[in-house]
Amino acid sequence: MIEGWMDEIKRDCDPGLLGMIFAHNGVVRATTKDGRPVKGMKLSYDRTKLAEVIGRLKKSSGIVDIKAWINEGELKIGDDIMKLCVAGTFRTDVLPVFQELLTTVKSEIVREEEVF
């Protein structure tokens, strides 16, 4: 998926504006942040809010495209949680937008429940 997004971005974006593509692939861990073992997680997300955030961030200076996919349902250890991709002109354009996207997704869009 991420490689496909990168190919699509390279094909569809103005090559004079594309200098960096940053990607993230979150995976279900076997433990909570404090080290307790889990069997997996239940995950849901707000599709409308995700679309709004992507639309707003795509208007940021130096950003040429943003892609996001979030897995939903009952996930087991090793399953993908989410994939994010931000493309832009310079690292200094892409990294802050990527950080804002990831932070917003984790704090406002995704609802996770660990399964013990």
PDB file of N, CA and C in Angstrom:
ATOM      1  N   MET A   1       0.816  -1.194   0.000  1.00  0.00           N
ATOM      2  CA  MET A   1       0.000   0.000   0.000  1.00  0.00           C
ATOM      3  C   MET A   1       0.865   1.266   0.000  1.00  0.00           C
ATOM      4  N   ILE A   2       1.825   1.349   0.916  1.00  0.00           N
ATOM      5  CA  ILE A   2       2.644   2.558   1.001  1.00  0.00           C
ATOM      6  C   ILE A   2       3.469   2.741  -0.275  1.00  0.00           C
ATOM      7  N   GLU A   3       4.047   1.651  -0.763  1.00  0.00           N
ATOM      8  CA  GLU A   3       4.824   1.769  -2.014  1.00  0.00           C
ATOM      9  C   GLU A   3       3.926   2.193  -3.169  1.00  0.00           C
ATOM     10  N   GLY A   4       2.710   1.692  -3.200  1.00  0.00           N
ATOM     11  CA  GLY A   4       1.749   2.098  -4.226  1.00  0.00           C
ATOM     12  C   GLY A   4       1.413   3.578  -4.117  1.00  0.00           C
ATOM     13  N   TRP A   5       1.217   4.046  -2.883  1.00  0.00           N
ATOM     14  CA  TRP A   5       0.972   5.480  -2.681  1.00  0.00           C
ATOM     15  C   TRP A   5       2.149   6.307  -3.183  1.00  0.00           C
ATOM     16  N   MET A   6       3.356   5.853  -2.859  1.00  0.00           N
ATOM     17  CA  MET A   6       4.541   6.599  -3.289  1.00  0.00           C
ATOM     18  C   MET A   6       4.628   6.653  -4.808  1.00  0.00           C
ATOM     19  N   ASP A   7       4.370   5.526  -5.452  1.00  0.00           N
ATOM     20  CA  ASP A   7       4.374   5.500  -6.918  1.00  0.00           C
ATOM     21  C   ASP A   7       3.318   6.451  -7.478  1.00  0.00           C
ATOM     22  N   GLU A   8       2.130   6.439  -6.877  1.00  0.00           N
ATOM     23  CA  GLU A   8       1.042   7.307  -7.318  1.00  0.00           C
ATOM     24  C   GLU A   8       1.405   8.786  -7.149  1.00  0.00           C
ATOM     25  N   ILE A   9       1.976   9.115  -6.002  1.00  0.00           N
ATOM     26  CA  ILE A   9       2.378  10.505  -5.741  1.00  0.00           C
ATOM     27  C   ILE A   9       3.434  10.942  -6.752  1.00  0.00           C
ATOM     28  N   LYS A  10       4.432  10.106  -6.980  1.00  0.00           N
ATOM     29  CA  LYS A  10       5.488  10.446  -7.946  1.00  0.00           C
ATOM     30  C   LYS A  10       4.918  10.630  -9.349  1.00  0.00           C
ATOM     31  N   ARG A  11       3.941   9.811  -9.703  1.00  0.00           N
ATOM     32  CA  ARG A  11       3.338   9.870 -11.029  1.00  0.00           C
ATOM     33  C   ARG A  11       2.451  11.108 -11.194  1.00  0.00           C
ATOM     34  N   ASP A  12       1.695  11.458 -10.131  1.00  0.00           N
ATOM     35  CA  ASP A  12       0.653  12.475 -10.252  1.00  0.00           C
ATOM     36  C   ASP A  12       1.061  13.884  -9.831  1.00  0.00           C
ATOM     37  N   CYS A  13       2.121  14.027  -9.056  1.00  0.00           N
ATOM     38  CA  CYS A  13       2.514  15.345  -8.555  1.00  0.00           C
ATOM     39  C   CYS A  13       3.535  16.009  -9.465  1.00  0.00           C
ATOM     40  N   ASP A  14       3.552  17.309  -9.413  1.00  0.00           N
ATOM     41  CA  ASP A  14       4.562  18.090 -10.136  1.00  0.00           C
ATOM     42  C   ASP A  14       5.935  17.723  -9.587  1.00  0.00           C
ATOM     43  N   PRO A  15       6.819  17.148 -10.408  1.00  0.00           N
ATOM     44  CA  PRO A  15       8.127  16.725  -9.907  1.00  0.00           C
ATOM     45  C   PRO A  15       8.977  17.888  -9.389  1.00  0.00           C
ATOM     46  N   GLY A  16       8.663  19.100  -9.810  1.00  0.00           N
ATOM     47  CA  GLY A  16       9.377  20.261  -9.301  1.00  0.00           C
ATOM     48  C   GLY A  16       8.996  20.611  -7.877  1.00  0.00           C
ATOM     49  N   LEU A  17       7.876  20.045  -7.397  1.00  0.00           N
ATOM     50  CA  LEU A  17       7.416  20.322  -6.037  1.00  0.00           C
ATOM     51  C   LEU A  17       7.637  19.159  -5.075  1.00  0.00           C
ATOM     52  N   LEU A  18       8.069  18.019  -5.600  1.00  0.00           N
ATOM     53  CA  LEU A  18       8.200  16.823  -4.769  1.00  0.00           C
ATOM     54  C   LEU A  18       9.662  16.562  -4.430  1.00  0.00           C
ATOM     55  N   GLY A  19       9.979  16.617  -3.134  1.00  0.00           N
ATOM     56  CA  GLY A  19      11.345  16.348  -2.690  1.00  0.00           C
ATOM     57  C   GLY A  19      11.440  15.354  -1.560  1.00  0.00           C
ATOM     58  N   MET A  20      10.298  15.041  -0.919  1.00  0.00           N
ATOM     59  CA  MET A  20      10.320  14.104   0.200  1.00  0.00           C
ATOM     60  C   MET A  20       8.953  13.458   0.379  1.00  0.00           C
ATOM     61  N   ILE A  21       8.979  12.168   0.660  1.00  0.00           N
ATOM     62  CA  ILE A  21       7.772  11.435   1.038  1.00  0.00           C
ATOM     63  C   ILE A  21       8.090  10.741   2.357  1.00  0.00           C
ATOM     64  N   PHE A  22       7.274  11.004   3.362  1.00  0.00           N
ATOM     65  CA  PHE A  22       7.481  10.437   4.691  1.00  0.00           C
ATOM     66  C   PHE A  22       6.325   9.496   4.979  1.00  0.00           C
ATOM     67  N   ALA A  23       6.622   8.266   5.447  1.00  0.00           N
ATOM     68  CA  ALA A  23       5.581   7.267   5.672  1.00  0.00           C
ATOM     69  C   ALA A  23       5.671   6.664   7.064  1.00  0.00           C
ATOM     70  N   HIS A  24       4.518   6.195   7.545  1.00  0.00           N
ATOM     71  CA  HIS A  24       4.404   5.566   8.862  1.00  0.00           C
ATOM     72  C   HIS A  24       3.520   4.337   8.734  1.00  0.00           C
ATOM     73  N   ASN A  25       3.921   3.253   9.389  1.00  0.00           N
ATOM     74  CA  ASN A  25       3.113   2.031   9.457  1.00  0.00           C
ATOM     75  C   ASN A  25       3.044   1.602  10.916  1.00  0.00           C
ATOM     76  N   GLY A  26       1.928   1.908  11.593  1.00  0.00           N
ATOM     77  CA  GLY A  26       1.747   1.496  12.984  1.00  0.00           C
ATOM     78  C   GLY A  26       1.272   0.065  13.056  1.00  0.00           C
ATOM     79  N   VAL A  27       1.810  -0.683  14.030  1.00  0.00           N
ATOM     80  CA  VAL A  27       1.535  -2.111  14.172  1.00  0.00           C
ATOM     81  C   VAL A  27       1.108  -2.406  15.615  1.00  0.00           C
ATOM     82  N   VAL A  28       0.188  -3.342  15.800  1.00  0.00           N
ATOM     83  CA  VAL A  28      -0.247  -3.740  17.136  1.00  0.00           C
ATOM     84  C   VAL A  28       0.907  -4.433  17.858  1.00  0.00           C
ATOM     85  N   ARG A  29       1.273  -3.871  19.012  1.00  0.00           N
ATOM     86  CA  ARG A  29       2.336  -4.453  19.841  1.00  0.00           C
ATOM     87  C   ARG A  29       1.765  -5.544  20.742  1.00  0.00           C
ATOM     88  N   ALA A  30       2.644  -6.356  21.325  1.00  0.00           N
ATOM     89  CA  ALA A  30       2.246  -7.433  22.234  1.00  0.00           C
ATOM     90  C   ALA A  30       2.057  -6.933  23.663  1.00  0.00           C
ATOM     91  N   THR A  31       2.408  -5.677  23.924  1.00  0.00           N
ATOM     92  CA  THR A  31       2.278  -5.127  25.274  1.00  0.00           C
ATOM     93  C   THR A  31       1.715  -3.715  25.220  1.00  0.00           C
ATOM     94  N   THR A  32       1.159  -3.281  26.353  1.00  0.00           N
ATOM     95  CA  THR A  32       0.732  -1.899  26.499  1.00  0.00           C
ATOM     96  C   THR A  32       1.976  -1.028  26.668  1.00  0.00           C
ATOM     97  N   LYS A  33       1.783   0.275  26.681  1.00  0.00           N
ATOM     98  CA  LYS A  33       2.922   1.181  26.866  1.00  0.00           C
ATOM     99  C   LYS A  33       3.610   0.954  28.205  1.00  0.00           C
ATOM    100  N   ASP A  34       2.854   0.489  29.203  1.00  0.00           N
ATOM    101  CA  ASP A  34       3.465   0.231  30.503  1.00  0.00           C
ATOM    102  C   ASP A  34       3.922  -1.219  30.682  1.00  0.00           C
ATOM    103  N   GLY A  35       3.905  -2.002  29.588  1.00  0.00           N
ATOM    104  CA  GLY A  35       4.495  -3.335  29.607  1.00  0.00           C
ATOM    105  C   GLY A  35       3.561  -4.497  29.883  1.00  0.00           C
ATOM    106  N   ARG A  36       2.262  -4.256  30.076  1.00  0.00           N
ATOM    107  CA  ARG A  36       1.326  -5.353  30.314  1.00  0.00           C
ATOM    108  C   ARG A  36       1.043  -6.086  29.009  1.00  0.00           C
ATOM    109  N   PRO A  37       1.004  -7.421  29.036  1.00  0.00           N
ATOM    110  CA  PRO A  37       0.731  -8.176  27.809  1.00  0.00           C
ATOM    111  C   PRO A  37      -0.720  -8.011  27.355  1.00  0.00           C
ATOM    112  N   VAL A  38      -0.916  -7.964  26.032  1.00  0.00           N
ATOM    113  CA  VAL A  38      -2.254  -7.889  25.451  1.00  0.00           C
ATOM    114  C   VAL A  38      -2.412  -8.980  24.399  1.00  0.00           C
ATOM    115  N   LYS A  39      -3.675  -9.270  24.081  1.00  0.00           N
ATOM    116  CA  LYS A  39      -3.985 -10.228  23.010  1.00  0.00           C
ATOM    117  C   LYS A  39      -4.194  -9.512  21.682  1.00  0.00           C
ATOM    118  N   GLY A  40      -4.505  -8.221  21.767  1.00  0.00           N
ATOM    119  CA  GLY A  40      -4.771  -7.431  20.571  1.00  0.00           C
ATOM    120  C   GLY A  40      -5.451  -6.143  20.951  1.00  0.00           C
ATOM    121  N   MET A  41      -6.235  -5.593  20.021  1.00  0.00           N
ATOM    122  CA  MET A  41      -6.949  -4.349  20.295  1.00  0.00           C
ATOM    123  C   MET A  41      -8.198  -4.262  19.432  1.00  0.00           C
ATOM    124  N   LYS A  42      -9.149  -3.455  19.907  1.00  0.00           N
ATOM    125  CA  LYS A  42     -10.326  -3.086  19.123  1.00  0.00           C
ATOM    126  C   LYS A  42     -10.102  -1.645  18.701  1.00  0.00           C
ATOM    127  N   LEU A  43     -10.330  -1.366  17.429  1.00  0.00           N
ATOM    128  CA  LEU A  43     -10.033  -0.038  16.907  1.00  0.00           C
ATOM    129  C   LEU A  43     -11.183   0.465  16.044  1.00  0.00           C
ATOM    130  N   SER A  44     -11.521   1.732  16.236  1.00  0.00           N
ATOM    131  CA  SER A  44     -12.475   2.403  15.365  1.00  0.00           C
ATOM    132  C   SER A  44     -11.969   3.825  15.150  1.00  0.00           C
ATOM    133  N   TYR A  45     -12.551   4.522  14.197  1.00  0.00           N
ATOM    134  CA  TYR A  45     -12.102   5.893  13.946  1.00  0.00           C
ATOM    135  C   TYR A  45     -13.204   6.720  13.312  1.00  0.00           C
ATOM    136  N   ASP A  46     -13.018   8.030  13.401  1.00  0.00           N
ATOM    137  CA  ASP A  46     -13.966   9.005  12.869  1.00  0.00           C
ATOM    138  C   ASP A  46     -13.537   9.373  11.445  1.00  0.00           C
ATOM    139  N   ARG A  47     -14.201   8.805  10.457  1.00  0.00           N
ATOM    140  CA  ARG A  47     -13.850   9.024   9.047  1.00  0.00           C
ATOM    141  C   ARG A  47     -14.006  10.490   8.632  1.00  0.00           C
ATOM    142  N   THR A  48     -15.052  11.130   9.123  1.00  0.00           N
ATOM    143  CA  THR A  48     -15.303  12.528   8.769  1.00  0.00           C
ATOM    144  C   THR A  48     -14.179  13.417   9.283  1.00  0.00           C
ATOM    145  N   LYS A  49     -13.804  13.223  10.528  1.00  0.00           N
ATOM    146  CA  LYS A  49     -12.727  14.042  11.114  1.00  0.00           C
ATOM    147  C   LYS A  49     -11.404  13.773  10.395  1.00  0.00           C
ATOM    148  N   LEU A  50     -11.126  12.527  10.035  1.00  0.00           N
ATOM    149  CA  LEU A  50      -9.899  12.212   9.303  1.00  0.00           C
ATOM    150  C   LEU A  50      -9.869  12.965   7.977  1.00  0.00           C
ATOM    151  N   ALA A  51     -10.972  12.944   7.246  1.00  0.00           N
ATOM    152  CA  ALA A  51     -11.037  13.655   5.964  1.00  0.00           C
ATOM    153  C   ALA A  51     -10.846  15.155   6.160  1.00  0.00           C
ATOM    154  N   GLU A  52     -11.429  15.700   7.211  1.00  0.00           N
ATOM    155  CA  GLU A  52     -11.276  17.135   7.488  1.00  0.00           C
ATOM    156  C   GLU A  52      -9.829  17.495   7.791  1.00  0.00           C
ATOM    157  N   VAL A  53      -9.180  16.692   8.612  1.00  0.00           N
ATOM    158  CA  VAL A  53      -7.786  16.960   8.980  1.00  0.00           C
ATOM    159  C   VAL A  53      -6.881  16.856   7.752  1.00  0.00           C
ATOM    160  N   ILE A  54      -7.077  15.821   6.950  1.00  0.00           N
ATOM    161  CA  ILE A  54      -6.263  15.674   5.734  1.00  0.00           C
ATOM    162  C   ILE A  54      -6.493  16.858   4.806  1.00  0.00           C
ATOM    163  N   GLY A  55      -7.744  17.258   4.612  1.00  0.00           N
ATOM    164  CA  GLY A  55      -8.051  18.401   3.754  1.00  0.00           C
ATOM    165  C   GLY A  55      -7.373  19.673   4.231  1.00  0.00           C
ATOM    166  N   ARG A  56      -7.387  19.906   5.536  1.00  0.00           N
ATOM    167  CA  ARG A  56      -6.753  21.105   6.100  1.00  0.00           C
ATOM    168  C   ARG A  56      -5.235  21.048   5.942  1.00  0.00           C
ATOM    169  N   LEU A  57      -4.645  19.899   6.260  1.00  0.00           N
ATOM    170  CA  LEU A  57      -3.188  19.786   6.194  1.00  0.00           C
ATOM    171  C   LEU A  57      -2.651  19.803   4.764  1.00  0.00           C
ATOM    172  N   LYS A  58      -3.450  19.346   3.800  1.00  0.00           N
ATOM    173  CA  LYS A  58      -3.026  19.385   2.391  1.00  0.00           C
ATOM    174  C   LYS A  58      -2.823  20.824   1.909  1.00  0.00           C
ATOM    175  N   LYS A  59      -3.456  21.775   2.576  1.00  0.00           N
ATOM    176  CA  LYS A  59      -3.310  23.182   2.206  1.00  0.00           C
ATOM    177  C   LYS A  59      -2.048  23.814   2.786  1.00  0.00           C
ATOM    178  N   SER A  60      -1.294  23.068   3.581  1.00  0.00           N
ATOM    179  CA  SER A  60      -0.067  23.594   4.189  1.00  0.00           C
ATOM    180  C   SER A  60       0.986  23.873   3.127  1.00  0.00           C
ATOM    181  N   SER A  61       1.764  24.880   3.368  1.00  0.00           N
ATOM    182  CA  SER A  61       2.830  25.263   2.441  1.00  0.00           C
ATOM    183  C   SER A  61       3.794  24.105   2.205  1.00  0.00           C
ATOM    184  N   GLY A  62       4.074  23.838   0.939  1.00  0.00           N
ATOM    185  CA  GLY A  62       5.047  22.808   0.578  1.00  0.00           C
ATOM    186  C   GLY A  62       4.525  21.391   0.582  1.00  0.00           C
ATOM    187  N   ILE A  63       3.243  21.174   0.857  1.00  0.00           N
ATOM    188  CA  ILE A  63       2.678  19.818   0.879  1.00  0.00           C
ATOM    189  C   ILE A  63       2.001  19.551  -0.458  1.00  0.00           C
ATOM    190  N   VAL A  64       2.341  18.405  -1.065  1.00  0.00           N
ATOM    191  CA  VAL A  64       1.742  18.055  -2.350  1.00  0.00           C
ATOM    192  C   VAL A  64       0.683  16.960  -2.243  1.00  0.00           C
ATOM    193  N   ASP A  65       0.776  16.111  -1.206  1.00  0.00           N
ATOM    194  CA  ASP A  65      -0.254  15.076  -1.046  1.00  0.00           C
ATOM    195  C   ASP A  65      -0.159  14.453   0.337  1.00  0.00           C
ATOM    196  N   ILE A  66      -1.295  13.917   0.782  1.00  0.00           N
ATOM    197  CA  ILE A  66      -1.377  13.180   2.045  1.00  0.00           C
ATOM    198  C   ILE A  66      -2.283  11.982   1.807  1.00  0.00           C
ATOM    199  N   LYS A  67      -1.843  10.820   2.280  1.00  0.00           N
ATOM    200  CA  LYS A  67      -2.638   9.593   2.188  1.00  0.00           C
ATOM    201  C   LYS A  67      -2.746   9.010   3.597  1.00  0.00           C
ATOM    202  N   ALA A  68      -3.883   8.399   3.898  1.00  0.00           N
ATOM    203  CA  ALA A  68      -4.066   7.750   5.195  1.00  0.00           C
ATOM    204  C   ALA A  68      -4.993   6.552   5.058  1.00  0.00           C
ATOM    205  N   TRP A  69      -4.682   5.512   5.790  1.00  0.00           N
ATOM    206  CA  TRP A  69      -5.518   4.323   5.889  1.00  0.00           C
ATOM    207  C   TRP A  69      -5.480   3.881   7.341  1.00  0.00           C
ATOM    208  N   ILE A  70      -6.646   3.607   7.906  1.00  0.00           N
ATOM    209  CA  ILE A  70      -6.733   3.141   9.291  1.00  0.00           C
ATOM    210  C   ILE A  70      -7.520   1.846   9.309  1.00  0.00           C
ATOM    211  N   ASN A  71      -6.948   0.834   9.929  1.00  0.00           N
ATOM    212  CA  ASN A  71      -7.598  -0.464  10.071  1.00  0.00           C
ATOM    213  C   ASN A  71      -8.676  -0.335  11.140  1.00  0.00           C
ATOM    214  N   GLU A  72      -9.738  -1.061  10.997  1.00  0.00           N
ATOM    215  CA  GLU A  72     -10.825  -0.962  11.958  1.00  0.00           C
ATOM    216  C   GLU A  72     -11.316  -2.355  12.301  1.00  0.00           C
ATOM    217  N   GLY A  73     -11.669  -2.532  13.567  1.00  0.00           N
ATOM    218  CA  GLY A  73     -12.196  -3.817  14.005  1.00  0.00           C
ATOM    219  C   GLY A  73     -11.337  -4.415  15.096  1.00  0.00           C
ATOM    220  N   GLU A  74     -11.406  -5.745  15.199  1.00  0.00           N
ATOM    221  CA  GLU A  74     -10.609  -6.457  16.201  1.00  0.00           C
ATOM    222  C   GLU A  74      -9.288  -6.859  15.562  1.00  0.00           C
ATOM    223  N   LEU A  75      -8.221  -6.315  16.083  1.00  0.00           N
ATOM    224  CA  LEU A  75      -6.887  -6.542  15.532  1.00  0.00           C
ATOM    225  C   LEU A  75      -6.073  -7.420  16.468  1.00  0.00           C
ATOM    226  N   LYS A  76      -5.208  -8.223  15.883  1.00  0.00           N
ATOM    227  CA  LYS A  76      -4.348  -9.077  16.698  1.00  0.00           C
ATOM    228  C   LYS A  76      -2.911  -8.561  16.636  1.00  0.00           C
ATOM    229  N   ILE A  77      -2.090  -9.065  17.503  1.00  0.00           N
ATOM    230  CA  ILE A  77      -0.690  -8.654  17.553  1.00  0.00           C
ATOM    231  C   ILE A  77      -0.072  -8.835  16.168  1.00  0.00           C
ATOM    232  N   GLY A  78       0.622  -7.806  15.727  1.00  0.00           N
ATOM    233  CA  GLY A  78       1.268  -7.840  14.415  1.00  0.00           C
ATOM    234  C   GLY A  78       0.445  -7.246  13.293  1.00  0.00           C
ATOM    235  N   ASP A  79      -0.859  -7.042  13.516  1.00  0.00           N
ATOM    236  CA  ASP A  79      -1.702  -6.425  12.483  1.00  0.00           C
ATOM    237  C   ASP A  79      -1.344  -4.948  12.316  1.00  0.00           C
ATOM    238  N   ASP A  80      -1.536  -4.453  11.123  1.00  0.00           N
ATOM    239  CA  ASP A  80      -1.356  -3.027  10.872  1.00  0.00           C
ATOM    240  C   ASP A  80      -2.484  -2.248  11.529  1.00  0.00           C
ATOM    241  N   ILE A  81      -2.126  -1.149  12.196  1.00  0.00           N
ATOM    242  CA  ILE A  81      -3.107  -0.248  12.790  1.00  0.00           C
ATOM    243  C   ILE A  81      -3.446   0.857  11.803  1.00  0.00           C
ATOM    244  N   MET A  82      -2.401   1.485  11.271  1.00  0.00           N
ATOM    245  CA  MET A  82      -2.613   2.588  10.338  1.00  0.00           C
ATOM    246  C   MET A  82      -1.397   2.740   9.449  1.00  0.00           C
ATOM    247  N   LYS A  83      -1.640   3.370   8.310  1.00  0.00           N
ATOM    248  CA  LYS A  83      -0.566   3.756   7.400  1.00  0.00           C
ATOM    249  C   LYS A  83      -0.818   5.203   7.014  1.00  0.00           C
ATOM    250  N   LEU A  84       0.221   6.021   7.107  1.00  0.00           N
ATOM    251  CA  LEU A  84       0.133   7.432   6.774  1.00  0.00           C
ATOM    252  C   LEU A  84       1.264   7.788   5.835  1.00  0.00           C
ATOM    253  N   CYS A  85       1.019   8.738   4.968  1.00  0.00           N
ATOM    254  CA  CYS A  85       2.035   9.181   4.019  1.00  0.00           C
ATOM    255  C   CYS A  85       1.828  10.671   3.758  1.00  0.00           C
ATOM    256  N   VAL A  86       2.897  11.446   3.924  1.00  0.00           N
ATOM    257  CA  VAL A  86       2.859  12.880   3.640  1.00  0.00           C
ATOM    258  C   VAL A  86       3.984  13.185   2.663  1.00  0.00           C
ATOM    259  N   ALA A  87       3.657  13.874   1.581  1.00  0.00           N
ATOM    260  CA  ALA A  87       4.634  14.209   0.547  1.00  0.00           C
ATOM    261  C   ALA A  87       4.695  15.718   0.371  1.00  0.00           C
ATOM    262  N   GLY A  88       5.905  16.201   0.137  1.00  0.00           N
ATOM    263  CA  GLY A  88       6.056  17.634  -0.056  1.00  0.00           C
ATOM    264  C   GLY A  88       7.397  18.001  -0.646  1.00  0.00           C
ATOM    265  N   THR A  89       7.648  19.291  -0.639  1.00  0.00           N
ATOM    266  CA  THR A  89       8.829  19.825  -1.293  1.00  0.00           C
ATOM    267  C   THR A  89      10.099  19.605  -0.477  1.00  0.00           C
ATOM    268  N   PHE A  90      10.064  20.013   0.775  1.00  0.00           N
ATOM    269  CA  PHE A  90      11.252  19.934   1.628  1.00  0.00           C
ATOM    270  C   PHE A  90      10.928  19.206   2.929  1.00  0.00           C
ATOM    271  N   ARG A  91      11.959  18.637   3.544  1.00  0.00           N
ATOM    272  CA  ARG A  91      11.814  17.981   4.841  1.00  0.00           C
ATOM    273  C   ARG A  91      11.187  18.935   5.854  1.00  0.00           C
ATOM    274  N   THR A  92      11.591  20.200   5.810  1.00  0.00           N
ATOM    275  CA  THR A  92      11.072  21.187   6.759  1.00  0.00           C
ATOM    276  C   THR A  92       9.586  21.479   6.542  1.00  0.00           C
ATOM    277  N   ASP A  93       9.055  21.163   5.367  1.00  0.00           N
ATOM    278  CA  ASP A  93       7.614  21.266   5.110  1.00  0.00           C
ATOM    279  C   ASP A  93       6.894  20.004   5.581  1.00  0.00           C
ATOM    280  N   VAL A  94       7.479  18.861   5.267  1.00  0.00           N
ATOM    281  CA  VAL A  94       6.808  17.577   5.452  1.00  0.00           C
ATOM    282  C   VAL A  94       6.773  17.127   6.921  1.00  0.00           C
ATOM    283  N   LEU A  95       7.883  17.205   7.619  1.00  0.00           N
ATOM    284  CA  LEU A  95       7.938  16.640   8.969  1.00  0.00           C
ATOM    285  C   LEU A  95       6.954  17.275   9.955  1.00  0.00           C
ATOM    286  N   PRO A  96       6.825  18.608  10.012  1.00  0.00           N
ATOM    287  CA  PRO A  96       5.843  19.168  10.950  1.00  0.00           C
ATOM    288  C   PRO A  96       4.398  18.773  10.614  1.00  0.00           C
ATOM    289  N   VAL A  97       4.078  18.700   9.338  1.00  0.00           N
ATOM    290  CA  VAL A  97       2.730  18.302   8.929  1.00  0.00           C
ATOM    291  C   VAL A  97       2.503  16.829   9.265  1.00  0.00           C
ATOM    292  N   PHE A  98       3.506  16.007   9.023  1.00  0.00           N
ATOM    293  CA  PHE A  98       3.404  14.594   9.364  1.00  0.00           C
ATOM    294  C   PHE A  98       3.183  14.427  10.867  1.00  0.00           C
ATOM    295  N   GLN A  99       3.957  15.146  11.667  1.00  0.00           N
ATOM    296  CA  GLN A  99       3.824  15.061  13.125  1.00  0.00           C
ATOM    297  C   GLN A  99       2.424  15.486  13.573  1.00  0.00           C
ATOM    298  N   GLU A 100       1.911  16.557  12.996  1.00  0.00           N
ATOM    299  CA  GLU A 100       0.567  17.014  13.345  1.00  0.00           C
ATOM    300  C   GLU A 100      -0.485  15.986  12.940  1.00  0.00           C
ATOM    301  N   LEU A 101      -0.332  15.408  11.754  1.00  0.00           N
ATOM    302  CA  LEU A 101      -1.275  14.383  11.294  1.00  0.00           C
ATOM    303  C   LEU A 101      -1.269  13.192  12.248  1.00  0.00           C
ATOM    304  N   LEU A 102      -0.105  12.655  12.554  1.00  0.00           N
ATOM    305  CA  LEU A 102      -0.006  11.485  13.418  1.00  0.00           C
ATOM    306  C   LEU A 102      -0.545  11.780  14.816  1.00  0.00           C
ATOM    307  N   THR A 103      -0.170  12.918  15.369  1.00  0.00           N
ATOM    308  CA  THR A 103      -0.645  13.286  16.709  1.00  0.00           C
ATOM    309  C   THR A 103      -2.157  13.445  16.730  1.00  0.00           C
ATOM    310  N   THR A 104      -2.708  14.092  15.730  1.00  0.00           N
ATOM    311  CA  THR A 104      -4.160  14.290  15.665  1.00  0.00           C
ATOM    312  C   THR A 104      -4.894  12.969  15.491  1.00  0.00           C
ATOM    313  N   VAL A 105      -4.378  12.117  14.622  1.00  0.00           N
ATOM    314  CA  VAL A 105      -5.008  10.806  14.421  1.00  0.00           C
ATOM    315  C   VAL A 105      -5.027  10.036  15.739  1.00  0.00           C
ATOM    316  N   LYS A 106      -3.894   9.979  16.420  1.00  0.00           N
ATOM    317  CA  LYS A 106      -3.797   9.211  17.664  1.00  0.00           C
ATOM    318  C   LYS A 106      -4.637   9.806  18.786  1.00  0.00           C
ATOM    319  N   SER A 107      -4.732  11.130  18.868  1.00  0.00           N
ATOM    320  CA  SER A 107      -5.400  11.750  20.013  1.00  0.00           C
ATOM    321  C   SER A 107      -6.869  12.093  19.778  1.00  0.00           C
ATOM    322  N   GLU A 108      -7.278  12.297  18.519  1.00  0.00           N
ATOM    323  CA  GLU A 108      -8.638  12.788  18.269  1.00  0.00           C
ATOM    324  C   GLU A 108      -9.474  11.931  17.315  1.00  0.00           C
ATOM    325  N   ILE A 109      -8.835  11.074  16.534  1.00  0.00           N
ATOM    326  CA  ILE A 109      -9.572  10.388  15.475  1.00  0.00           C
ATOM    327  C   ILE A 109      -9.741   8.886  15.764  1.00  0.00           C
ATOM    328  N   VAL A 110      -8.703   8.259  16.256  1.00  0.00           N
ATOM    329  CA  VAL A 110      -8.726   6.811  16.510  1.00  0.00           C
ATOM    330  C   VAL A 110      -9.181   6.534  17.950  1.00  0.00           C
ATOM    331  N   ARG A 111      -9.998   5.513  18.083  1.00  0.00           N
ATOM    332  CA  ARG A 111     -10.402   5.025  19.408  1.00  0.00           C
ATOM    333  C   ARG A 111      -9.890   3.594  19.534  1.00  0.00           C
ATOM    334  N   GLU A 112      -8.949   3.411  20.468  1.00  0.00           N
ATOM    335  CA  GLU A 112      -8.327   2.102  20.677  1.00  0.00           C
ATOM    336  C   GLU A 112      -8.752   1.537  22.025  1.00  0.00           C
ATOM    337  N   GLU A 113      -8.990   0.225  22.037  1.00  0.00           N
ATOM    338  CA  GLU A 113      -9.268  -0.478  23.281  1.00  0.00           C
ATOM    339  C   GLU A 113      -8.420  -1.745  23.289  1.00  0.00           C
ATOM    340  N   GLU A 114      -7.527  -1.837  24.256  1.00  0.00           N
ATOM    341  CA  GLU A 114      -6.681  -3.026  24.339  1.00  0.00           C
ATOM    342  C   GLU A 114      -7.497  -4.235  24.783  1.00  0.00           C
ATOM    343  N   VAL A 115      -7.172  -5.392  24.231  1.00  0.00           N
ATOM    344  CA  VAL A 115      -7.841  -6.650  24.573  1.00  0.00           C
ATOM    345  C   VAL A 115      -6.850  -7.482  25.385  1.00  0.00           C
ATOM    346  N   PHE A 116      -7.253  -7.805  26.614  1.00  0.00           N
ATOM    347  CA  PHE A 116      -6.363  -8.560  27.521  1.00  0.00           C
ATOM    348  C   PHE A 116      -6.749 -10.016  27.577  1.00  0.00           C
TER     349      PHE A 116
END
